[in-house]
Amino acid sequence: MVMQETVPPGRALNHPAIGIRLVIHGPELIDSGKIADIVDALRALGPLRVLAGGTMARVAALDKHLTFVDTSKNIHTSDALNHVSDKEVLVLANCGKTSETGRVFGQIVSSRVRRSVIHVERPGLIDGSVILWRGADGDTSRDVQYVARHLSDRLSLKLVKKHKRELSVEQTDEVVTRHIYGARLGEPLLVQGMVVGTVVDEDVAVIVQRGRIVDIAGVATKAHGLEKIGNIDLSTAYVKTGHLRASNEACVQRSMVPARPLQRGSVIFVNHRADETLESVNETTICAITVGDDTTTICGDILSRAGIPIVGITDGDGDGLYTGSCEVEGSRILRLNNASDDDIGFLLEQSGALNSGNCTLGKVIKIVTDFLRQNGVEFVVINLGKDGLR
């Protein structure tokens, strides 16, 4: 299901062909179709290779059938920019919620990359720009400068040149503070991919003491979310507000899909790490046990592309990270009434009850529901699709 190809080069006038690596961060540019303008502009300069940075970009590329995008690996955006040929010019494409959040993201990513990075931010919007984050090796590179100017001209975006540096934070003795820009009331706040609360004031600041988060101004925090965050460096940490995928037209078109024709197989657990879902399954996977409301929604959608059902363990405390999702027929959601999905998911995985590699979907559901009853957990079963137990 994963394909990769090199976008054939066109011809740029009066300049030798330039090898380019484009990394797309997030689903926004793919879902909106604006990535096509960037690809068309770059393919005129020489051989172009395109990589999806992060799970949401990978899923969006698969939905749009962009076979020229390499979706074969789950790789962070900064790693995708680092793992390239020294001869390739590096281009990052992103569409932040605001120009300020986009700039901050580009600053963080580029500071982790040795070479210069050309950052296309919010193309097609009035505050969009091309930012050249200058690295030690490419400040005066003829190719880098040429590609940056070319993108600025073709996309009608202003060109800004900046020196790379780590994100500045406020530090007083042992207390470090990082202000978060572009927060909107009611949005979830994610730190290192974990939801830690909901925005209640547009002035948001994360406060760390001795490497641990001690307060988040402007946010109603979730204790169990904060518990999952260990030591943290605010100058490099991934912090964002808002949804993982605001538009998901693919699921409007197909809210329920049939399961693949597999009668028996193995079971995987996905416990609040939905970004690893695609790497966890294979041709023998009969279903996935997903733990957490948002994790269940995201995994159900991701795995629907492979026809793999889910058995979701939830407790109703979701944060609405993902807009729109598809499910596979035969999937079940087990909504717990008197227990935490975190606790039950951990106990179920540790019990080894599902370690057998030869289960039917019906047997998996029975094992899980029997486990819940034996542990005194009250729950409601939500059936997804028309299929009954196998």
Protein backbone atom coordinates (compact mmCIF):
# COMPACT_ATOMS: atom_id res chain seq x y z
CA MET A 1 0.00 0.00 0.00
CA VAL A 2 3.04 2.28 0.38
CA MET A 3 4.64 3.57 -2.78
CA GLN A 4 7.50 5.91 -3.46
CA GLU A 5 8.81 7.45 -6.62
CA THR A 6 10.95 10.38 -7.68
CA VAL A 7 9.02 13.28 -9.16
CA PRO A 8 10.39 13.73 -12.69
CA PRO A 9 12.30 16.98 -13.10
CA GLY A 10 11.36 19.75 -15.45
CA ARG A 11 13.79 22.33 -16.76
CA ALA A 12 14.75 25.58 -15.08
CA LEU A 13 16.28 28.23 -17.33
CA ASN A 14 19.96 29.17 -16.97
CA HIS A 15 20.65 27.00 -13.95
CA PRO A 16 21.98 23.43 -13.59
CA ALA A 17 19.63 20.78 -12.21
CA ILE A 18 19.38 20.80 -8.39
CA GLY A 19 18.59 17.75 -6.25
CA ILE A 20 15.94 18.63 -3.68
CA ARG A 21 14.43 16.85 -0.67
CA LEU A 22 10.99 18.12 0.35
CA VAL A 23 9.61 17.16 3.78
CA ILE A 24 5.90 17.78 4.37
CA HIS A 25 4.88 18.32 7.99
CA GLY A 26 1.27 17.73 9.00
CA PRO A 27 -1.80 17.01 6.88
CA GLU A 28 -2.97 20.57 6.17
CA LEU A 29 -1.13 21.23 2.89
CA ILE A 30 -2.04 17.79 1.57
CA ASP A 31 -5.71 17.96 2.58
CA SER A 32 -6.06 21.44 1.06
CA GLY A 33 -4.25 20.50 -2.15
CA LYS A 34 -1.76 23.36 -1.76
CA ILE A 35 1.17 20.96 -1.69
CA ALA A 36 0.73 20.61 -5.47
CA ASP A 37 1.92 24.20 -6.02
CA ILE A 38 5.10 23.56 -4.03
CA VAL A 39 5.82 20.28 -5.84
CA ASP A 40 5.24 21.88 -9.25
CA ALA A 41 7.60 24.73 -8.37
CA LEU A 42 10.35 22.40 -7.16
CA ARG A 43 10.12 19.79 -9.87
CA ALA A 44 11.10 22.47 -12.39
CA LEU A 45 14.53 22.69 -10.75
CA GLY A 46 15.70 19.07 -10.82
CA PRO A 47 15.21 15.64 -9.20
CA LEU A 48 12.78 15.92 -6.29
CA ARG A 49 12.22 13.42 -3.50
CA VAL A 50 9.29 13.96 -1.15
CA LEU A 51 8.92 12.57 2.38
CA ALA A 52 6.01 12.74 4.84
CA GLY A 53 7.13 13.88 8.29
CA GLY A 54 4.93 12.41 11.02
CA THR A 55 1.91 10.11 11.07
CA MET A 56 -0.76 12.61 10.06
CA ALA A 57 1.15 13.65 6.94
CA ARG A 58 1.63 9.98 6.03
CA VAL A 59 -2.07 9.22 6.42
CA ALA A 60 -3.10 12.30 4.43
CA ALA A 61 -0.72 11.34 1.60
CA LEU A 62 -2.19 7.83 1.52
CA ASP A 63 -5.73 9.24 1.43
CA LYS A 64 -4.87 11.48 -1.51
CA HIS A 65 -3.00 8.64 -3.27
CA LEU A 66 0.15 10.76 -3.60
CA THR A 67 2.42 7.97 -4.77
CA PHE A 68 5.37 10.34 -5.14
CA VAL A 69 5.41 10.87 -1.35
CA ASP A 70 7.53 8.40 0.63
CA THR A 71 5.22 7.14 3.40
CA SER A 72 7.22 4.03 4.20
CA LYS A 73 8.66 5.22 7.52
CA ASN A 74 7.36 6.82 10.70
CA ILE A 75 9.93 9.58 10.99
CA HIS A 76 9.99 12.93 12.75
CA THR A 77 10.29 15.97 10.53
CA SER A 78 13.74 17.00 11.78
CA ASP A 79 15.04 13.44 11.30
CA ALA A 80 13.66 13.39 7.78
CA LEU A 81 15.62 16.56 7.01
CA ASN A 82 18.82 15.16 8.53
CA HIS A 83 18.78 11.80 6.74
CA VAL A 84 19.45 13.06 3.21
CA SER A 85 22.28 13.34 0.75
CA ASP A 86 24.68 16.24 1.33
CA LYS A 87 24.03 17.29 -2.25
CA GLU A 88 20.28 17.77 -1.78
CA VAL A 89 18.75 21.15 -0.93
CA LEU A 90 16.40 20.83 2.04
CA VAL A 91 12.85 22.20 1.88
CA LEU A 92 10.28 22.05 4.69
CA ALA A 93 6.58 22.63 3.92
CA ASN A 94 4.21 23.45 6.76
CA CYS A 95 0.95 25.25 7.42
CA GLY A 96 0.83 26.39 11.03
CA LYS A 97 -2.33 27.63 12.69
CA THR A 98 -0.87 31.15 12.53
CA SER A 99 2.25 32.61 10.96
CA GLU A 100 3.80 32.91 14.43
CA THR A 101 3.20 29.26 15.39
CA GLY A 102 4.53 28.22 12.00
CA ARG A 103 7.67 30.30 12.45
CA VAL A 104 8.28 28.87 15.92
CA PHE A 105 7.88 25.35 14.55
CA GLY A 106 10.35 26.06 11.76
CA GLN A 107 12.81 27.54 14.25
CA ILE A 108 12.68 24.43 16.44
CA VAL A 109 13.00 21.99 13.53
CA SER A 110 15.76 23.88 11.73
CA SER A 111 17.80 24.18 14.94
CA ARG A 112 18.06 20.38 14.96
CA VAL A 113 19.39 20.24 11.39
CA ARG A 114 23.01 21.02 10.59
CA ARG A 115 22.41 22.42 7.14
CA SER A 116 20.31 25.30 5.82
CA VAL A 117 16.56 24.69 5.57
CA ILE A 118 14.17 26.46 3.22
CA HIS A 119 10.86 26.66 5.05
CA VAL A 120 7.61 27.25 3.11
CA GLU A 121 5.02 28.41 5.64
CA ARG A 122 1.27 28.97 5.04
CA PRO A 123 1.44 29.13 1.21
CA GLY A 124 -1.63 30.64 -0.42
CA LEU A 125 -2.44 32.73 2.66
CA ILE A 126 -1.86 36.45 3.09
CA ASP A 127 0.69 35.96 5.89
CA GLY A 128 2.54 33.12 4.18
CA SER A 129 6.30 33.25 3.64
CA VAL A 130 9.44 31.45 2.56
CA ILE A 131 11.94 31.44 5.43
CA LEU A 132 15.57 30.56 4.78
CA TRP A 133 16.95 29.20 8.05
CA ARG A 134 20.67 29.57 7.52
CA GLY A 135 22.96 26.75 8.56
CA ALA A 136 26.73 26.73 8.95
CA ASP A 137 27.26 24.92 5.65
CA GLY A 138 24.86 26.71 3.36
CA ASP A 139 24.66 30.41 4.17
CA THR A 140 26.02 31.37 0.78
CA SER A 141 25.21 28.21 -1.18
CA ARG A 142 24.25 29.19 -4.70
CA ASP A 143 21.73 26.34 -4.98
CA VAL A 144 20.06 27.07 -1.62
CA GLN A 145 19.71 30.76 -2.44
CA TYR A 146 18.38 29.97 -5.90
CA VAL A 147 15.73 27.51 -4.65
CA ALA A 148 14.59 29.95 -1.94
CA ARG A 149 14.18 32.79 -4.45
CA HIS A 150 12.48 30.48 -6.95
CA LEU A 151 9.89 29.35 -4.37
CA SER A 152 9.29 32.93 -3.25
CA ASP A 153 8.64 34.02 -6.86
CA ARG A 154 6.55 31.01 -7.92
CA LEU A 155 4.39 30.99 -4.79
CA SER A 156 4.17 34.79 -4.48
CA LEU A 157 5.49 34.68 -0.90
CA LYS A 158 7.87 37.08 0.79
CA LEU A 159 11.39 35.73 1.37
CA VAL A 160 12.81 36.06 4.88
CA LYS A 161 16.34 35.05 5.88
CA LYS A 162 17.05 34.08 9.47
CA HIS A 163 19.95 32.56 11.38
CA LYS A 164 19.08 29.27 13.03
CA ARG A 165 19.00 29.19 16.80
CA GLU A 166 17.29 27.27 19.55
CA LEU A 167 13.95 28.57 20.73
CA SER A 168 14.45 31.22 23.40
CA VAL A 169 12.85 30.56 26.78
CA GLU A 170 12.75 32.59 29.95
CA GLN A 171 14.89 31.24 32.77
CA THR A 172 15.14 32.42 36.36
CA ASP A 173 17.22 30.27 38.68
CA GLU A 174 15.71 26.77 38.33
CA VAL A 175 12.46 27.89 36.68
CA VAL A 176 12.09 27.84 32.87
CA THR A 177 9.08 29.38 31.10
CA ARG A 178 8.00 29.00 27.48
CA HIS A 179 5.13 31.06 26.07
CA ILE A 180 2.85 29.31 23.57
CA TYR A 181 1.47 31.42 20.73
CA GLY A 182 -1.77 31.07 18.77
CA ALA A 183 -3.74 29.25 21.49
CA ARG A 184 -7.52 29.38 21.20
CA LEU A 185 -10.07 28.81 23.93
CA GLY A 186 -11.23 25.20 24.23
CA GLU A 187 -8.34 23.69 22.27
CA PRO A 188 -6.31 20.80 23.70
CA LEU A 189 -2.67 21.45 24.60
CA LEU A 190 -0.19 18.74 23.64
CA VAL A 191 3.29 18.37 25.08
CA GLN A 192 5.50 15.74 23.43
CA GLY A 193 2.37 14.33 21.77
CA MET A 194 0.45 13.89 25.05
CA VAL A 195 -2.67 15.91 25.91
CA VAL A 196 -2.01 17.75 29.16
CA GLY A 197 -5.04 20.04 29.33
CA THR A 198 -7.50 22.42 27.68
CA VAL A 199 -6.87 26.08 26.87
CA VAL A 200 -8.93 28.46 29.04
CA ASP A 201 -6.95 31.67 28.34
CA GLU A 202 -5.18 32.78 25.17
CA ASP A 203 -2.06 33.63 27.19
CA VAL A 204 -0.52 30.18 27.64
CA ALA A 205 2.85 29.44 29.24
CA VAL A 206 4.46 26.15 30.24
CA ILE A 207 6.52 26.40 33.43
CA VAL A 208 9.23 23.85 34.27
CA GLN A 209 11.31 23.49 37.40
CA ARG A 210 14.23 21.08 37.59
CA GLY A 211 13.15 19.49 34.31
CA ARG A 212 9.54 18.79 35.36
CA ILE A 213 6.36 20.66 34.46
CA VAL A 214 5.06 22.39 37.59
CA ASP A 215 2.39 24.63 36.07
CA ILE A 216 0.77 25.61 32.77
CA ALA A 217 -0.71 29.08 32.80
CA GLY A 218 -3.92 29.53 30.80
CA VAL A 219 -4.68 25.80 30.73
CA ALA A 220 -6.99 23.56 32.74
CA THR A 221 -4.54 20.71 33.19
CA LYS A 222 -5.21 16.97 33.24
CA ALA A 223 -3.30 15.29 36.04
CA HIS A 224 -3.01 11.94 34.29
CA GLY A 225 -1.67 13.67 31.17
CA LEU A 226 1.02 15.51 33.10
CA GLU A 227 2.02 12.29 34.85
CA LYS A 228 3.10 10.84 31.51
CA ILE A 229 5.55 13.68 30.79
CA GLY A 230 8.98 12.97 32.22
CA ASN A 231 11.93 15.34 32.24
CA ILE A 232 11.59 17.93 29.51
CA ASP A 233 13.73 20.56 27.76
CA LEU A 234 11.39 23.42 26.85
CA SER A 235 13.79 24.83 24.25
CA THR A 236 13.34 21.72 22.07
CA ALA A 237 10.06 20.14 23.29
CA TYR A 238 7.17 19.61 20.87
CA VAL A 239 4.32 21.78 22.19
CA LYS A 240 1.17 22.66 20.26
CA THR A 241 -2.48 23.53 20.67
CA GLY A 242 -5.32 22.37 18.45
CA HIS A 243 -6.36 19.28 16.54
CA LEU A 244 -4.13 16.74 14.83
CA ARG A 245 -6.20 16.78 11.66
CA ALA A 246 -8.78 19.53 11.30
CA SER A 247 -10.14 18.32 7.94
CA ASN A 248 -10.62 14.69 7.00
CA GLU A 249 -12.64 14.49 3.82
CA ALA A 250 -11.61 10.88 3.24
CA CYS A 251 -13.77 9.82 6.19
CA VAL A 252 -16.73 11.88 5.07
CA GLN A 253 -16.70 9.74 1.94
CA ARG A 254 -16.30 6.39 3.76
CA SER A 255 -17.30 6.30 7.43
CA MET A 256 -17.34 2.48 7.56
CA VAL A 257 -15.18 0.05 5.61
CA PRO A 258 -15.22 -3.77 5.42
CA ALA A 259 -12.73 -5.86 7.35
CA ARG A 260 -10.07 -7.66 5.37
CA PRO A 261 -10.66 -11.40 4.82
CA LEU A 262 -8.62 -12.71 7.75
CA GLN A 263 -10.25 -15.27 10.05
CA ARG A 264 -7.55 -15.65 12.69
CA GLY A 265 -4.46 -13.78 13.73
CA SER A 266 -2.50 -11.90 16.38
CA VAL A 267 -3.50 -8.92 18.51
CA ILE A 268 -1.59 -5.68 19.05
CA PHE A 269 -1.95 -3.14 21.87
CA VAL A 270 -1.87 0.58 21.18
CA ASN A 271 -1.73 2.47 24.47
CA HIS A 272 -1.81 6.23 23.88
CA ARG A 273 0.82 6.03 21.10
CA ALA A 274 -1.29 6.27 17.99
CA ASP A 275 1.69 7.56 15.99
CA GLU A 276 3.20 4.06 16.07
CA THR A 277 0.10 2.29 14.75
CA LEU A 278 1.27 1.68 11.18
CA GLU A 279 4.52 0.11 12.38
CA SER A 280 2.73 -2.22 14.82
CA VAL A 281 0.55 -4.20 12.40
CA ASN A 282 1.33 -6.77 9.73
CA GLU A 283 -0.48 -9.28 7.53
CA THR A 284 -1.27 -11.52 10.52
CA THR A 285 -2.94 -8.85 12.68
CA ILE A 286 -6.60 -9.73 13.38
CA CYS A 287 -7.32 -6.56 15.38
CA ALA A 288 -5.87 -3.86 17.63
CA ILE A 289 -6.71 -3.19 21.28
CA THR A 290 -6.68 0.59 21.60
CA VAL A 291 -6.55 2.34 24.98
CA GLY A 292 -7.89 5.89 25.36
CA ASP A 293 -10.66 7.86 23.67
CA ASP A 294 -8.53 9.88 21.26
CA THR A 295 -6.17 6.96 20.64
CA THR A 296 -9.15 4.79 19.71
CA THR A 297 -10.52 7.39 17.29
CA ILE A 298 -7.16 7.96 15.61
CA CYS A 299 -6.21 4.28 15.41
CA GLY A 300 -9.63 3.30 14.11
CA ASP A 301 -9.18 5.74 11.27
CA ILE A 302 -5.57 4.82 10.49
CA LEU A 303 -6.18 1.07 10.55
CA SER A 304 -9.31 1.37 8.41
CA ARG A 305 -6.96 1.81 5.46
CA ALA A 306 -5.74 -1.74 6.06
CA GLY A 307 -9.17 -3.20 6.95
CA ILE A 308 -8.09 -3.99 10.53
CA PRO A 309 -10.83 -3.77 13.22
CA ILE A 310 -10.25 -2.28 16.66
CA VAL A 311 -11.46 -3.10 20.14
CA GLY A 312 -11.34 0.25 21.90
CA ILE A 313 -11.18 0.71 25.67
CA THR A 314 -12.40 4.21 26.54
CA ASP A 315 -13.74 6.13 29.51
CA GLY A 316 -15.27 9.20 27.88
CA ASP A 317 -12.53 11.74 28.60
CA GLY A 318 -11.50 12.37 25.00
CA ASP A 319 -10.15 15.74 23.90
CA GLY A 320 -11.41 15.78 20.32
CA LEU A 321 -7.92 15.70 18.81
CA TYR A 322 -9.06 14.14 15.56
CA THR A 323 -11.89 15.44 13.38
CA GLY A 324 -13.73 12.71 11.53
CA SER A 325 -12.74 9.06 11.51
CA CYS A 326 -13.48 5.81 9.74
CA GLU A 327 -13.91 2.41 11.35
CA VAL A 328 -13.77 -1.16 10.17
CA GLU A 329 -16.93 -3.24 10.35
CA GLY A 330 -16.95 -5.53 13.35
CA SER A 331 -15.03 -3.12 15.57
CA ARG A 332 -16.17 -2.59 19.16
CA ILE A 333 -15.87 0.30 21.60
CA LEU A 334 -16.01 -0.66 25.28
CA ARG A 335 -16.99 2.45 27.25
CA LEU A 336 -16.01 2.02 30.90
CA ASN A 337 -18.31 3.49 33.55
CA ASN A 338 -16.42 2.97 36.81
CA ALA A 339 -12.74 2.64 35.88
CA SER A 340 -9.94 4.44 34.06
CA ASP A 341 -9.08 3.23 30.57
CA ASP A 342 -5.39 3.79 31.44
CA ASP A 343 -5.55 1.43 34.42
CA ILE A 344 -7.61 -1.27 32.73
CA GLY A 345 -5.60 -1.16 29.53
CA PHE A 346 -2.40 -1.63 31.50
CA LEU A 347 -3.82 -4.56 33.51
CA LEU A 348 -5.19 -6.25 30.39
CA GLU A 349 -1.89 -6.00 28.54
CA GLN A 350 0.08 -7.24 31.55
CA SER A 351 -2.28 -10.19 32.03
CA GLY A 352 -1.07 -11.85 28.81
CA ALA A 353 -4.62 -12.97 28.04
CA LEU A 354 -4.25 -11.95 24.40
CA ASN A 355 -0.74 -13.21 23.71
CA SER A 356 -2.00 -16.04 21.52
CA GLY A 357 -1.29 -15.48 17.86
CA ASN A 358 -4.31 -17.47 16.71
CA CYS A 359 -7.47 -15.59 17.71
CA THR A 360 -10.68 -14.74 15.89
CA LEU A 361 -12.13 -11.27 16.36
CA GLY A 362 -15.03 -12.76 18.30
CA LYS A 363 -12.67 -14.55 20.67
CA VAL A 364 -10.71 -11.35 21.28
CA ILE A 365 -13.88 -9.45 22.17
CA LYS A 366 -14.99 -12.23 24.52
CA ILE A 367 -11.61 -12.34 26.28
CA VAL A 368 -11.66 -8.58 26.82
CA THR A 369 -15.26 -8.38 28.03
CA ASP A 370 -14.77 -11.39 30.36
CA PHE A 371 -11.66 -9.68 31.77
CA LEU A 372 -13.64 -6.53 32.48
CA ARG A 373 -16.43 -8.42 34.24
CA GLN A 374 -13.98 -10.45 36.32
CA ASN A 375 -12.42 -7.20 37.53
CA GLY A 376 -15.75 -5.62 38.44
CA VAL A 377 -15.70 -3.09 35.61
CA GLU A 378 -19.04 -1.79 34.37
CA PHE A 379 -19.09 -1.00 30.67
CA VAL A 380 -21.23 -0.43 27.60
CA VAL A 381 -20.47 -2.13 24.28
CA ILE A 382 -20.78 -0.01 21.14
CA ASN A 383 -20.93 -2.08 17.95
CA LEU A 384 -19.44 -0.51 14.83
CA GLY A 385 -20.75 -1.87 11.56
CA LYS A 386 -23.12 -4.66 10.74
CA ASP A 387 -20.88 -7.65 11.45
CA GLY A 388 -21.55 -9.80 14.51
CA LEU A 389 -19.02 -11.83 16.47
CA ARG A 390 -17.01 -14.37 14.52
